[in-house]
Amino acid sequence: MIGKEQMDALFIEAQKTAVSAYAPYSNFRVGAALLCEDGTVVKGVNMENRSYGLTICAERNAVAAAITMGKRRFLALAVSTPDSVEPVGPCGACRQVISEFTKPDMPIRFAGSGQNQVDTTIGELLPLDSLHDLKNN
């Protein structure tokens, strides 16, 4: 389990990363910072396309970058959505991808530009993850 200071630092990385997002259509930038088991922090941003179906979420972008680097074990994820005052959590597709590589108790923090933040786990965001259960059998 990671501590509050480490999660705070990870969230700051997500905030810094969000400014690099490519979101010319929605103007809704997202930055993600993924802490790998070896201490590496892999970052991702959302990348839009004129066809919204081809948009890549920041969280999946970070996971894909980590996998490309040969990393498969993750300790925590932070997500920043600076263009929303309120926290916005990972979408359903991202939750499913995140759960593929983590245990249900992996911490996730997400927050917007306001004072509210959510500290939760992937298991709380994706309860009754039957596919995760099948993977472990």
N, C-alpha and C. Protein backbone atom coordinates (compact mmCIF):
# COMPACT_ATOMS: atom_id res chain seq x y z
N MET A 1 0.84 -1.18 0.00
CA MET A 1 0.00 0.00 0.00
C MET A 1 0.89 1.25 0.00
N ILE A 2 0.47 2.25 -0.73
CA ILE A 2 1.27 3.47 -0.75
C ILE A 2 0.68 4.49 0.22
N GLY A 3 1.52 5.38 0.67
CA GLY A 3 1.11 6.38 1.65
C GLY A 3 0.51 7.62 1.01
N LYS A 4 -0.02 8.49 1.86
CA LYS A 4 -0.66 9.72 1.41
C LYS A 4 0.32 10.62 0.64
N GLU A 5 1.54 10.76 1.16
CA GLU A 5 2.52 11.62 0.49
C GLU A 5 2.84 11.12 -0.91
N GLN A 6 2.97 9.80 -1.04
CA GLN A 6 3.28 9.23 -2.35
C GLN A 6 2.09 9.41 -3.30
N MET A 7 0.87 9.27 -2.79
CA MET A 7 -0.31 9.48 -3.63
C MET A 7 -0.45 10.95 -4.00
N ASP A 8 -0.14 11.84 -3.08
CA ASP A 8 -0.16 13.28 -3.38
C ASP A 8 0.82 13.60 -4.51
N ALA A 9 2.02 13.04 -4.44
CA ALA A 9 3.04 13.28 -5.47
C ALA A 9 2.59 12.71 -6.82
N LEU A 10 1.96 11.54 -6.78
CA LEU A 10 1.47 10.93 -8.02
C LEU A 10 0.38 11.80 -8.65
N PHE A 11 -0.49 12.36 -7.82
CA PHE A 11 -1.55 13.22 -8.35
C PHE A 11 -0.95 14.49 -8.96
N ILE A 12 0.07 15.04 -8.35
CA ILE A 12 0.73 16.22 -8.92
C ILE A 12 1.27 15.89 -10.32
N GLU A 13 1.82 14.70 -10.50
CA GLU A 13 2.30 14.28 -11.82
C GLU A 13 1.14 14.22 -12.81
N ALA A 14 -0.01 13.71 -12.37
CA ALA A 14 -1.19 13.66 -13.25
C ALA A 14 -1.63 15.07 -13.64
N GLN A 15 -1.60 16.00 -12.68
CA GLN A 15 -1.97 17.39 -12.97
C GLN A 15 -1.03 18.00 -14.01
N LYS A 16 0.27 17.80 -13.83
CA LYS A 16 1.25 18.35 -14.78
C LYS A 16 1.06 17.75 -16.17
N THR A 17 0.72 16.48 -16.21
CA THR A 17 0.57 15.77 -17.48
C THR A 17 -0.66 16.23 -18.24
N ALA A 18 -1.72 16.57 -17.53
CA ALA A 18 -2.99 16.95 -18.17
C ALA A 18 -2.83 18.11 -19.14
N VAL A 19 -1.88 18.99 -18.91
CA VAL A 19 -1.71 20.15 -19.80
C VAL A 19 -1.28 19.72 -21.20
N SER A 20 -0.77 18.51 -21.35
CA SER A 20 -0.33 18.01 -22.66
C SER A 20 -1.43 17.29 -23.42
N ALA A 21 -2.61 17.18 -22.84
CA ALA A 21 -3.70 16.46 -23.50
C ALA A 21 -4.05 17.10 -24.84
N TYR A 22 -4.53 16.26 -25.74
CA TYR A 22 -5.00 16.75 -27.04
C TYR A 22 -6.52 16.65 -27.03
N ALA A 23 -7.18 17.76 -26.71
CA ALA A 23 -8.63 17.77 -26.56
C ALA A 23 -9.26 18.98 -27.25
N PRO A 24 -9.03 19.13 -28.57
CA PRO A 24 -9.53 20.32 -29.26
C PRO A 24 -11.04 20.32 -29.48
N TYR A 25 -11.70 19.20 -29.31
CA TYR A 25 -13.14 19.11 -29.57
C TYR A 25 -13.96 19.28 -28.30
N SER A 26 -13.55 18.64 -27.23
CA SER A 26 -14.30 18.74 -25.98
C SER A 26 -13.73 19.80 -25.04
N ASN A 27 -12.47 20.17 -25.25
CA ASN A 27 -11.76 21.05 -24.31
C ASN A 27 -11.80 20.48 -22.89
N PHE A 28 -11.73 19.16 -22.80
CA PHE A 28 -11.77 18.46 -21.52
C PHE A 28 -10.49 17.62 -21.41
N ARG A 29 -9.47 18.22 -20.80
CA ARG A 29 -8.18 17.57 -20.70
C ARG A 29 -8.15 16.59 -19.52
N VAL A 30 -7.44 15.48 -19.72
CA VAL A 30 -7.28 14.48 -18.67
C VAL A 30 -5.82 14.05 -18.65
N GLY A 31 -5.27 13.97 -17.46
CA GLY A 31 -3.91 13.46 -17.28
C GLY A 31 -3.93 12.31 -16.29
N ALA A 32 -3.15 11.29 -16.56
CA ALA A 32 -3.07 10.13 -15.68
C ALA A 32 -1.62 9.85 -15.35
N ALA A 33 -1.38 9.42 -14.12
CA ALA A 33 -0.04 8.99 -13.69
C ALA A 33 -0.20 7.64 -13.02
N LEU A 34 0.50 6.66 -13.54
CA LEU A 34 0.40 5.28 -13.10
C LEU A 34 1.70 4.87 -12.41
N LEU A 35 1.61 4.48 -11.16
CA LEU A 35 2.79 4.05 -10.41
C LEU A 35 2.99 2.55 -10.60
N CYS A 36 4.13 2.19 -11.18
CA CYS A 36 4.44 0.78 -11.40
C CYS A 36 5.14 0.19 -10.18
N GLU A 37 5.12 -1.11 -10.10
CA GLU A 37 5.69 -1.81 -8.95
C GLU A 37 7.16 -1.47 -8.72
N ASP A 38 7.90 -1.19 -9.80
CA ASP A 38 9.32 -0.89 -9.67
C ASP A 38 9.59 0.59 -9.36
N GLY A 39 8.53 1.38 -9.14
CA GLY A 39 8.68 2.79 -8.81
C GLY A 39 8.58 3.74 -10.00
N THR A 40 8.57 3.20 -11.20
CA THR A 40 8.42 4.03 -12.39
C THR A 40 7.03 4.64 -12.43
N VAL A 41 6.95 5.90 -12.81
CA VAL A 41 5.67 6.56 -13.02
C VAL A 41 5.49 6.73 -14.52
N VAL A 42 4.44 6.13 -15.05
CA VAL A 42 4.13 6.21 -16.47
C VAL A 42 2.91 7.12 -16.61
N LYS A 43 3.01 8.06 -17.55
CA LYS A 43 1.96 9.07 -17.70
C LYS A 43 1.20 8.87 -19.01
N GLY A 44 -0.03 9.37 -19.01
CA GLY A 44 -0.85 9.33 -20.21
C GLY A 44 -1.79 10.52 -20.24
N VAL A 45 -2.21 10.89 -21.43
CA VAL A 45 -3.19 11.96 -21.61
C VAL A 45 -4.29 11.47 -22.54
N ASN A 46 -5.43 12.15 -22.48
CA ASN A 46 -6.45 11.83 -23.46
C ASN A 46 -6.06 12.44 -24.80
N MET A 47 -6.42 11.73 -25.85
CA MET A 47 -6.08 12.15 -27.20
C MET A 47 -7.32 12.00 -28.05
N GLU A 48 -7.94 13.13 -28.37
CA GLU A 48 -9.19 13.10 -29.12
C GLU A 48 -8.95 12.97 -30.62
N ASN A 49 -10.04 12.68 -31.30
CA ASN A 49 -10.06 12.60 -32.74
C ASN A 49 -11.42 13.12 -33.17
N ARG A 50 -11.52 13.58 -34.41
CA ARG A 50 -12.82 14.07 -34.90
C ARG A 50 -13.91 13.02 -34.71
N SER A 51 -13.53 11.77 -34.79
CA SER A 51 -14.47 10.68 -34.49
C SER A 51 -14.30 10.35 -33.01
N TYR A 52 -15.24 10.75 -32.19
CA TYR A 52 -15.09 10.53 -30.74
C TYR A 52 -14.82 9.07 -30.40
N GLY A 53 -15.31 8.15 -31.21
CA GLY A 53 -15.07 6.73 -30.95
C GLY A 53 -13.60 6.36 -31.01
N LEU A 54 -12.81 7.18 -31.65
CA LEU A 54 -11.37 6.91 -31.75
C LEU A 54 -10.56 7.63 -30.69
N THR A 55 -11.23 8.33 -29.79
CA THR A 55 -10.54 9.01 -28.70
C THR A 55 -9.89 7.99 -27.78
N ILE A 56 -8.71 8.32 -27.30
CA ILE A 56 -7.98 7.45 -26.36
C ILE A 56 -7.98 8.14 -25.01
N CYS A 57 -8.44 7.44 -24.00
CA CYS A 57 -8.48 8.00 -22.64
C CYS A 57 -7.08 8.03 -22.04
N ALA A 58 -6.87 8.97 -21.14
CA ALA A 58 -5.57 9.11 -20.48
C ALA A 58 -5.18 7.86 -19.70
N GLU A 59 -6.14 7.26 -19.02
CA GLU A 59 -5.85 6.09 -18.19
C GLU A 59 -5.38 4.91 -19.06
N ARG A 60 -6.10 4.66 -20.15
CA ARG A 60 -5.70 3.56 -21.04
C ARG A 60 -4.41 3.89 -21.76
N ASN A 61 -4.18 5.16 -22.04
CA ASN A 61 -2.94 5.59 -22.66
C ASN A 61 -1.76 5.27 -21.73
N ALA A 62 -1.92 5.55 -20.44
CA ALA A 62 -0.86 5.27 -19.46
C ALA A 62 -0.63 3.77 -19.32
N VAL A 63 -1.71 3.00 -19.25
CA VAL A 63 -1.56 1.54 -19.13
C VAL A 63 -0.86 0.99 -20.36
N ALA A 64 -1.27 1.43 -21.55
CA ALA A 64 -0.65 0.94 -22.79
C ALA A 64 0.84 1.30 -22.84
N ALA A 65 1.17 2.52 -22.42
CA ALA A 65 2.59 2.92 -22.40
C ALA A 65 3.38 2.04 -21.44
N ALA A 66 2.81 1.74 -20.28
CA ALA A 66 3.49 0.89 -19.30
C ALA A 66 3.70 -0.51 -19.86
N ILE A 67 2.69 -1.06 -20.49
CA ILE A 67 2.79 -2.39 -21.07
C ILE A 67 3.87 -2.40 -22.15
N THR A 68 3.93 -1.34 -22.94
CA THR A 68 4.96 -1.22 -23.98
C THR A 68 6.36 -1.24 -23.37
N MET A 69 6.47 -0.70 -22.16
CA MET A 69 7.76 -0.67 -21.45
C MET A 69 8.05 -2.00 -20.73
N GLY A 70 7.15 -2.97 -20.86
CA GLY A 70 7.35 -4.26 -20.21
C GLY A 70 6.86 -4.30 -18.77
N LYS A 71 6.11 -3.31 -18.36
CA LYS A 71 5.62 -3.25 -16.97
C LYS A 71 4.21 -3.83 -16.93
N ARG A 72 3.96 -4.67 -15.95
CA ARG A 72 2.67 -5.35 -15.85
C ARG A 72 2.04 -5.25 -14.46
N ARG A 73 2.77 -4.72 -13.49
CA ARG A 73 2.26 -4.65 -12.12
C ARG A 73 2.22 -3.19 -11.68
N PHE A 74 1.03 -2.77 -11.25
CA PHE A 74 0.80 -1.37 -10.90
C PHE A 74 0.36 -1.23 -9.46
N LEU A 75 0.82 -0.16 -8.82
CA LEU A 75 0.53 0.07 -7.40
C LEU A 75 -0.53 1.13 -7.16
N ALA A 76 -0.64 2.12 -8.05
CA ALA A 76 -1.60 3.22 -7.84
C ALA A 76 -1.78 4.00 -9.13
N LEU A 77 -2.91 4.70 -9.19
CA LEU A 77 -3.22 5.53 -10.35
C LEU A 77 -3.81 6.85 -9.85
N ALA A 78 -3.38 7.95 -10.47
CA ALA A 78 -3.96 9.26 -10.20
C ALA A 78 -4.45 9.85 -11.51
N VAL A 79 -5.62 10.49 -11.46
CA VAL A 79 -6.24 11.06 -12.65
C VAL A 79 -6.65 12.50 -12.36
N SER A 80 -6.22 13.41 -13.22
CA SER A 80 -6.55 14.83 -13.06
C SER A 80 -7.40 15.30 -14.24
N THR A 81 -8.51 15.98 -13.90
CA THR A 81 -9.38 16.57 -14.92
C THR A 81 -9.51 18.07 -14.62
N PRO A 82 -8.52 18.86 -15.04
CA PRO A 82 -8.48 20.27 -14.66
C PRO A 82 -9.60 21.12 -15.25
N ASP A 83 -10.29 20.63 -16.27
CA ASP A 83 -11.35 21.42 -16.88
C ASP A 83 -12.72 21.14 -16.26
N SER A 84 -12.72 20.39 -15.17
CA SER A 84 -13.93 20.14 -14.40
C SER A 84 -13.65 20.54 -12.95
N VAL A 85 -14.56 21.25 -12.34
CA VAL A 85 -14.38 21.60 -10.94
C VAL A 85 -14.51 20.34 -10.08
N GLU A 86 -15.48 19.50 -10.42
CA GLU A 86 -15.72 18.28 -9.66
C GLU A 86 -14.86 17.12 -10.17
N PRO A 87 -14.57 16.15 -9.32
CA PRO A 87 -13.81 14.97 -9.73
C PRO A 87 -14.57 14.17 -10.79
N VAL A 88 -13.83 13.66 -11.76
CA VAL A 88 -14.40 12.79 -12.79
C VAL A 88 -13.55 11.51 -12.81
N GLY A 89 -14.20 10.39 -12.51
CA GLY A 89 -13.49 9.11 -12.45
C GLY A 89 -13.29 8.49 -13.81
N PRO A 90 -12.50 7.42 -13.84
CA PRO A 90 -12.26 6.70 -15.09
C PRO A 90 -13.57 6.14 -15.67
N CYS A 91 -13.67 6.12 -16.99
CA CYS A 91 -14.85 5.57 -17.65
C CYS A 91 -14.88 4.05 -17.48
N GLY A 92 -15.96 3.44 -17.89
CA GLY A 92 -16.11 1.99 -17.74
C GLY A 92 -15.04 1.19 -18.47
N ALA A 93 -14.71 1.61 -19.68
CA ALA A 93 -13.68 0.90 -20.45
C ALA A 93 -12.34 0.98 -19.73
N CYS A 94 -12.02 2.14 -19.20
CA CYS A 94 -10.76 2.30 -18.47
C CYS A 94 -10.74 1.44 -17.21
N ARG A 95 -11.86 1.40 -16.51
CA ARG A 95 -11.95 0.58 -15.29
C ARG A 95 -11.67 -0.88 -15.62
N GLN A 96 -12.22 -1.34 -16.73
CA GLN A 96 -12.01 -2.73 -17.12
C GLN A 96 -10.53 -2.99 -17.45
N VAL A 97 -9.92 -2.09 -18.20
CA VAL A 97 -8.51 -2.25 -18.56
C VAL A 97 -7.62 -2.19 -17.32
N ILE A 98 -7.88 -1.24 -16.43
CA ILE A 98 -7.09 -1.13 -15.21
C ILE A 98 -7.18 -2.41 -14.40
N SER A 99 -8.38 -2.96 -14.29
CA SER A 99 -8.57 -4.16 -13.46
C SER A 99 -7.85 -5.38 -14.03
N GLU A 100 -7.55 -5.35 -15.30
CA GLU A 100 -6.82 -6.47 -15.92
C GLU A 100 -5.43 -6.64 -15.31
N PHE A 101 -4.84 -5.55 -14.84
CA PHE A 101 -3.45 -5.58 -14.41
C PHE A 101 -3.27 -5.29 -12.92
N THR A 102 -4.34 -5.21 -12.16
CA THR A 102 -4.22 -4.84 -10.75
C THR A 102 -5.06 -5.73 -9.86
N LYS A 103 -4.78 -5.63 -8.59
CA LYS A 103 -5.63 -6.26 -7.59
C LYS A 103 -6.75 -5.29 -7.25
N PRO A 104 -7.87 -5.80 -6.75
CA PRO A 104 -9.01 -4.92 -6.45
C PRO A 104 -8.70 -3.80 -5.45
N ASP A 105 -7.68 -3.96 -4.62
CA ASP A 105 -7.39 -2.94 -3.61
C ASP A 105 -6.42 -1.86 -4.08
N MET A 106 -6.09 -1.84 -5.40
CA MET A 106 -5.18 -0.80 -5.89
C MET A 106 -5.83 0.58 -5.75
N PRO A 107 -5.13 1.52 -5.09
CA PRO A 107 -5.71 2.85 -4.89
C PRO A 107 -5.74 3.69 -6.16
N ILE A 108 -6.82 4.45 -6.27
CA ILE A 108 -7.01 5.39 -7.37
C ILE A 108 -7.47 6.71 -6.77
N ARG A 109 -6.84 7.79 -7.20
CA ARG A 109 -7.29 9.13 -6.80
C ARG A 109 -7.69 9.88 -8.07
N PHE A 110 -8.82 10.56 -8.00
CA PHE A 110 -9.18 11.44 -9.10
C PHE A 110 -9.78 12.73 -8.55
N ALA A 111 -9.48 13.82 -9.26
CA ALA A 111 -9.95 15.13 -8.83
C ALA A 111 -9.95 16.08 -10.02
N GLY A 112 -10.81 17.09 -9.91
CA GLY A 112 -10.84 18.17 -10.89
C GLY A 112 -10.06 19.35 -10.37
N SER A 113 -10.48 20.53 -10.76
CA SER A 113 -9.76 21.74 -10.34
C SER A 113 -10.24 22.27 -9.00
N GLY A 114 -11.32 21.73 -8.47
CA GLY A 114 -11.86 22.18 -7.19
C GLY A 114 -11.17 21.50 -6.02
N GLN A 115 -11.75 21.66 -4.86
CA GLN A 115 -11.17 21.13 -3.63
C GLN A 115 -11.49 19.65 -3.40
N ASN A 116 -12.54 19.14 -4.05
CA ASN A 116 -12.94 17.75 -3.82
C ASN A 116 -12.04 16.78 -4.56
N GLN A 117 -11.70 15.70 -3.90
CA GLN A 117 -10.98 14.62 -4.55
C GLN A 117 -11.58 13.31 -4.06
N VAL A 118 -11.43 12.28 -4.86
CA VAL A 118 -11.93 10.96 -4.51
C VAL A 118 -10.75 10.02 -4.39
N ASP A 119 -10.63 9.39 -3.25
CA ASP A 119 -9.65 8.32 -3.04
C ASP A 119 -10.44 7.03 -2.91
N THR A 120 -10.20 6.10 -3.81
CA THR A 120 -10.96 4.86 -3.86
C THR A 120 -10.05 3.74 -4.34
N THR A 121 -10.62 2.63 -4.73
CA THR A 121 -9.85 1.52 -5.28
C THR A 121 -10.52 1.08 -6.58
N ILE A 122 -9.79 0.32 -7.37
CA ILE A 122 -10.39 -0.20 -8.60
C ILE A 122 -11.51 -1.17 -8.27
N GLY A 123 -11.40 -1.90 -7.17
CA GLY A 123 -12.46 -2.81 -6.75
C GLY A 123 -13.75 -2.08 -6.41
N GLU A 124 -13.63 -0.89 -5.82
CA GLU A 124 -14.82 -0.10 -5.53
C GLU A 124 -15.42 0.51 -6.80
N LEU A 125 -14.56 0.85 -7.76
CA LEU A 125 -15.04 1.41 -9.02
C LEU A 125 -15.61 0.35 -9.94
N LEU A 126 -15.14 -0.88 -9.81
CA LEU A 126 -15.60 -1.98 -10.66
C LEU A 126 -15.94 -3.17 -9.76
N PRO A 127 -17.06 -3.07 -9.02
CA PRO A 127 -17.42 -4.16 -8.11
C PRO A 127 -17.89 -5.40 -8.87
N LEU A 128 -17.83 -6.52 -8.21
CA LEU A 128 -18.29 -7.78 -8.80
C LEU A 128 -17.62 -8.04 -10.14
N ASP A 129 -16.32 -7.84 -10.18
CA ASP A 129 -15.53 -8.00 -11.41
C ASP A 129 -15.35 -9.48 -11.70
N SER A 130 -16.34 -10.09 -12.35
CA SER A 130 -16.29 -11.53 -12.60
C SER A 130 -15.14 -11.91 -13.51
N LEU A 131 -14.77 -11.05 -14.44
CA LEU A 131 -13.65 -11.38 -15.32
C LEU A 131 -12.35 -11.44 -14.53
N HIS A 132 -12.19 -10.53 -13.53
CA HIS A 132 -11.02 -10.57 -12.67
C HIS A 132 -10.99 -11.89 -11.90
N ASP A 133 -12.14 -12.34 -11.42
CA ASP A 133 -12.22 -13.60 -10.70
C ASP A 133 -11.85 -14.78 -11.60
N LEU A 134 -12.31 -14.77 -12.85
CA LEU A 134 -11.99 -15.85 -13.78
C LEU A 134 -10.49 -15.90 -14.07
N LYS A 135 -9.86 -14.73 -14.19
CA LYS A 135 -8.43 -14.66 -14.47
C LYS A 135 -7.62 -15.34 -13.38
N ASN A 136 -8.10 -15.25 -12.14
CA ASN A 136 -7.36 -15.82 -11.00
C ASN A 136 -7.67 -17.29 -10.77
N ASN A 137 -8.55 -17.88 -11.54
CA ASN A 137 -8.88 -19.31 -11.37
C ASN A 137 -8.08 -20.17 -12.32
